[in-house]
Amino acid sequence: IKQNGIDMGSAKTTEGWGKARTVNLGEMVDAQKTRIGFVVRPRLGGKESLPLTVGGGISIRPNDNLTVAADGEFAQWDDFNSSYGGGLGNTFDVRVGFEYVKKTSFGGLPIRAGFFTAQSPMRVNTSVTAFGSVPTSKNVTLGTGVAMKRAAINLAYELSLEKSTDVTAFTLTNDEKYHRVVVSMVVYLK
């Protein structure tokens, strides 16, 4: 397989369970109008496993209509540098958002907004043998929907605030910001 003139190797068949196993260990504390949660995903499966990941978040609900939440997640990707020859960096992702629900006679009308960062573990290629920081993507989201007794329909819009960048030897530069629209529906059986 070739991409941009670079030989990417041949396609491989994966059989069995693989080595990228993990487990989520978490705890949530519910204290009146505040919830605090923590999660740890330890590294399992040797050199090809997923990285150690630690996260925590808080949710505050000052009244029945408003919820404000924030969380962060750290992943220790630089453990993989010995296996893959360098170029990987630790990541820290942050998410902040709110939801306000307007109660109506037929159900709730939520209004949502948020901001989040997402980092790539692949460091920016600064020269043939050197790597810089991990690239960070900043994004905003807006959403709404309707929640009824038997179903909920949600609509969300996401906008990337910056262009992508070059990482390691692969060119991922893109002059376009991306837009994404997500629609979901939940039906309650009882």
Protein backbone atom coordinates (compact mmCIF):
# COMPACT_ATOMS: atom_id res chain seq x y z
CA ILE A 1 0.00 0.00 0.00
CA LYS A 2 1.40 3.44 -0.91
CA GLN A 3 0.27 6.82 0.40
CA ASN A 4 1.77 10.04 -0.97
CA GLY A 5 4.60 7.97 -2.47
CA ILE A 6 5.49 6.38 0.92
CA ASP A 7 5.39 2.60 1.21
CA MET A 8 2.98 1.91 4.10
CA GLY A 9 3.55 -1.87 4.06
CA SER A 10 1.10 -4.60 3.24
CA ALA A 11 -2.30 -5.25 4.73
CA LYS A 12 -2.24 -7.56 7.75
CA THR A 13 -4.84 -10.00 8.99
CA THR A 14 -5.55 -9.85 12.71
CA GLU A 15 -6.71 -13.01 14.39
CA GLY A 16 -7.74 -13.67 17.93
CA TRP A 17 -8.11 -11.23 20.78
CA GLY A 18 -5.12 -9.05 19.92
CA LYS A 19 -2.88 -7.24 22.37
CA ALA A 20 -4.65 -3.87 22.73
CA ARG A 21 -6.66 -4.83 25.82
CA THR A 22 -7.65 -2.49 28.61
CA VAL A 23 -10.01 -2.20 31.55
CA ASN A 24 -11.77 0.87 32.97
CA LEU A 25 -11.57 1.35 36.74
CA GLY A 26 -13.61 4.26 38.02
CA GLU A 27 -15.46 5.83 40.88
CA MET A 28 -18.16 8.50 41.07
CA VAL A 29 -19.03 10.51 44.16
CA ASP A 30 -22.53 12.01 44.24
CA ALA A 31 -22.77 14.94 46.68
CA GLN A 32 -26.14 16.72 46.43
CA LYS A 33 -25.88 18.92 43.31
CA THR A 34 -22.29 17.93 42.44
CA ARG A 35 -20.84 14.74 40.97
CA ILE A 36 -17.11 14.05 40.84
CA GLY A 37 -15.74 11.11 38.90
CA PHE A 38 -12.36 9.48 38.28
CA VAL A 39 -11.24 6.80 35.83
CA VAL A 40 -8.00 4.87 35.32
CA ARG A 41 -7.25 2.64 32.34
CA PRO A 42 -4.07 0.70 33.15
CA ARG A 43 -1.74 -0.54 30.46
CA LEU A 44 -2.37 -4.22 29.69
CA GLY A 45 -0.96 -6.54 27.04
CA GLY A 46 2.71 -5.57 26.79
CA LYS A 47 4.40 -3.35 24.19
CA GLU A 48 1.39 -3.15 21.86
CA SER A 49 -1.17 -2.29 24.53
CA LEU A 50 -3.06 0.97 24.91
CA PRO A 51 -1.41 3.68 27.06
CA LEU A 52 -2.01 4.29 30.74
CA THR A 53 -4.88 6.80 30.88
CA VAL A 54 -6.10 8.77 33.89
CA GLY A 55 -9.11 11.07 33.87
CA GLY A 56 -11.33 13.06 36.17
CA GLY A 57 -14.38 15.26 35.90
CA ILE A 58 -16.95 17.30 37.75
CA SER A 59 -20.62 18.02 37.08
CA ILE A 60 -22.58 20.73 38.90
CA ARG A 61 -26.37 21.04 38.73
CA PRO A 62 -27.40 24.27 40.49
CA ASN A 63 -31.08 23.72 39.60
CA ASP A 64 -33.31 21.27 37.70
CA ASN A 65 -32.74 23.05 34.38
CA LEU A 66 -28.98 23.72 34.27
CA THR A 67 -25.97 21.38 34.30
CA VAL A 68 -22.34 22.53 33.93
CA ALA A 69 -19.59 19.92 33.49
CA ALA A 70 -15.84 19.69 32.86
CA ASP A 71 -13.35 16.85 32.60
CA GLY A 72 -9.75 16.13 31.65
CA GLU A 73 -7.92 13.03 30.49
CA PHE A 74 -4.17 12.31 30.47
CA ALA A 75 -2.67 9.51 28.32
CA GLN A 76 0.95 8.38 28.69
CA TRP A 77 1.90 7.74 25.05
CA ASP A 78 5.63 8.42 25.47
CA ASP A 79 5.99 4.92 27.01
CA PHE A 80 5.75 3.65 23.43
CA ASN A 81 8.79 5.58 22.11
CA SER A 82 11.19 2.67 22.69
CA SER A 83 8.91 0.37 20.66
CA TYR A 84 8.23 2.78 17.81
CA GLY A 85 11.45 4.81 17.65
CA GLY A 86 10.29 8.12 19.14
CA GLY A 87 7.92 10.81 18.01
CA LEU A 88 5.14 10.03 20.50
CA GLY A 89 4.15 12.43 23.27
CA ASN A 90 1.78 12.40 26.21
CA THR A 91 -1.66 13.91 25.62
CA PHE A 92 -4.06 15.87 27.81
CA ASP A 93 -7.59 16.46 26.55
CA VAL A 94 -10.03 18.91 28.18
CA ARG A 95 -13.82 19.17 27.77
CA VAL A 96 -16.13 21.87 29.21
CA GLY A 97 -19.85 22.25 28.53
CA PHE A 98 -23.30 23.09 29.76
CA GLU A 99 -26.88 22.00 29.18
CA TYR A 100 -29.98 24.07 29.89
CA VAL A 101 -33.35 22.27 29.60
CA LYS A 102 -36.51 24.33 28.99
CA LYS A 103 -39.54 22.39 30.27
CA THR A 104 -42.60 22.44 28.00
CA SER A 105 -45.97 20.68 27.96
CA PHE A 106 -44.72 17.96 25.54
CA GLY A 107 -41.24 17.47 27.06
CA GLY A 108 -37.87 19.09 27.61
CA LEU A 109 -36.00 21.22 25.04
CA PRO A 110 -32.27 21.07 25.81
CA ILE A 111 -29.80 23.73 24.70
CA ARG A 112 -26.17 22.60 24.85
CA ALA A 113 -22.78 24.20 24.19
CA GLY A 114 -19.25 23.06 24.80
CA PHE A 115 -15.57 23.44 24.12
CA PHE A 116 -12.99 20.67 23.92
CA THR A 117 -9.38 20.07 23.00
CA ALA A 118 -8.10 16.87 21.43
CA GLN A 119 -4.41 16.06 21.12
CA SER A 120 -2.70 13.64 18.77
CA PRO A 121 0.05 11.54 20.41
CA MET A 122 2.16 11.96 17.23
CA ARG A 123 4.58 14.85 17.82
CA VAL A 124 5.04 17.55 15.16
CA ASN A 125 7.98 16.73 12.86
CA THR A 126 10.41 19.69 13.19
CA SER A 127 13.30 18.09 11.24
CA VAL A 128 14.45 14.72 9.96
CA THR A 129 15.50 13.59 13.46
CA ALA A 130 13.67 15.96 15.83
CA PHE A 131 10.12 16.25 17.07
CA GLY A 132 8.28 19.14 18.70
CA SER A 133 5.08 19.27 20.69
CA VAL A 134 1.94 17.19 20.19
CA PRO A 135 -0.64 19.04 18.05
CA THR A 136 -3.81 20.21 19.76
CA SER A 137 -7.15 20.62 18.03
CA LYS A 138 -9.59 23.11 19.58
CA ASN A 139 -13.30 22.56 18.91
CA VAL A 140 -16.68 24.03 19.83
CA THR A 141 -20.03 22.27 19.85
CA LEU A 142 -23.65 23.42 19.88
CA GLY A 143 -26.67 21.20 20.29
CA THR A 144 -30.37 20.96 20.90
CA GLY A 145 -33.09 18.37 20.85
CA VAL A 146 -36.37 17.30 22.34
CA ALA A 147 -36.94 14.84 25.18
CA MET A 148 -40.39 13.26 25.44
CA LYS A 149 -41.76 10.41 27.58
CA ARG A 150 -41.13 7.68 24.98
CA ALA A 151 -38.25 9.12 22.91
CA ALA A 152 -35.49 11.72 22.67
CA ILE A 153 -34.09 13.27 19.49
CA ASN A 154 -30.80 15.19 19.59
CA LEU A 155 -28.95 17.35 17.06
CA ALA A 156 -25.34 18.49 17.55
CA TYR A 157 -22.96 20.63 15.49
CA GLU A 158 -19.18 20.58 15.89
CA LEU A 159 -16.67 23.10 14.46
CA SER A 160 -12.90 22.69 14.49
CA LEU A 161 -11.33 26.07 15.31
CA GLU A 162 -7.99 25.44 13.61
CA LYS A 163 -6.40 23.61 10.73
CA SER A 164 -4.65 20.27 11.11
CA THR A 165 -0.86 20.03 11.02
CA ASP A 166 2.11 17.86 9.97
CA VAL A 167 2.97 14.98 12.28
CA THR A 168 6.06 12.74 12.04
CA ALA A 169 6.84 11.63 8.47
CA PHE A 170 3.23 11.67 7.30
CA THR A 171 1.73 14.87 5.97
CA LEU A 172 -1.65 15.52 7.55
CA THR A 173 -1.80 19.21 6.66
CA ASN A 174 -5.28 20.33 5.72
CA ASP A 175 -6.31 23.89 4.85
CA GLU A 176 -9.94 23.17 5.68
CA LYS A 177 -11.64 23.48 9.02
CA TYR A 178 -14.12 20.68 9.51
CA HIS A 179 -17.78 20.79 10.37
CA ARG A 180 -19.72 17.81 11.68
CA VAL A 181 -23.43 17.35 12.33
CA VAL A 182 -24.66 14.45 14.46
CA VAL A 183 -28.29 13.37 14.84
CA SER A 184 -29.35 10.73 17.35
CA MET A 185 -32.60 9.21 18.54
CA VAL A 186 -33.30 7.23 21.71
CA VAL A 187 -36.51 5.24 22.14
CA TYR A 188 -37.51 4.24 25.68
CA LEU A 189 -39.13 0.79 25.69
CA LYS A 190 -40.79 1.17 29.10
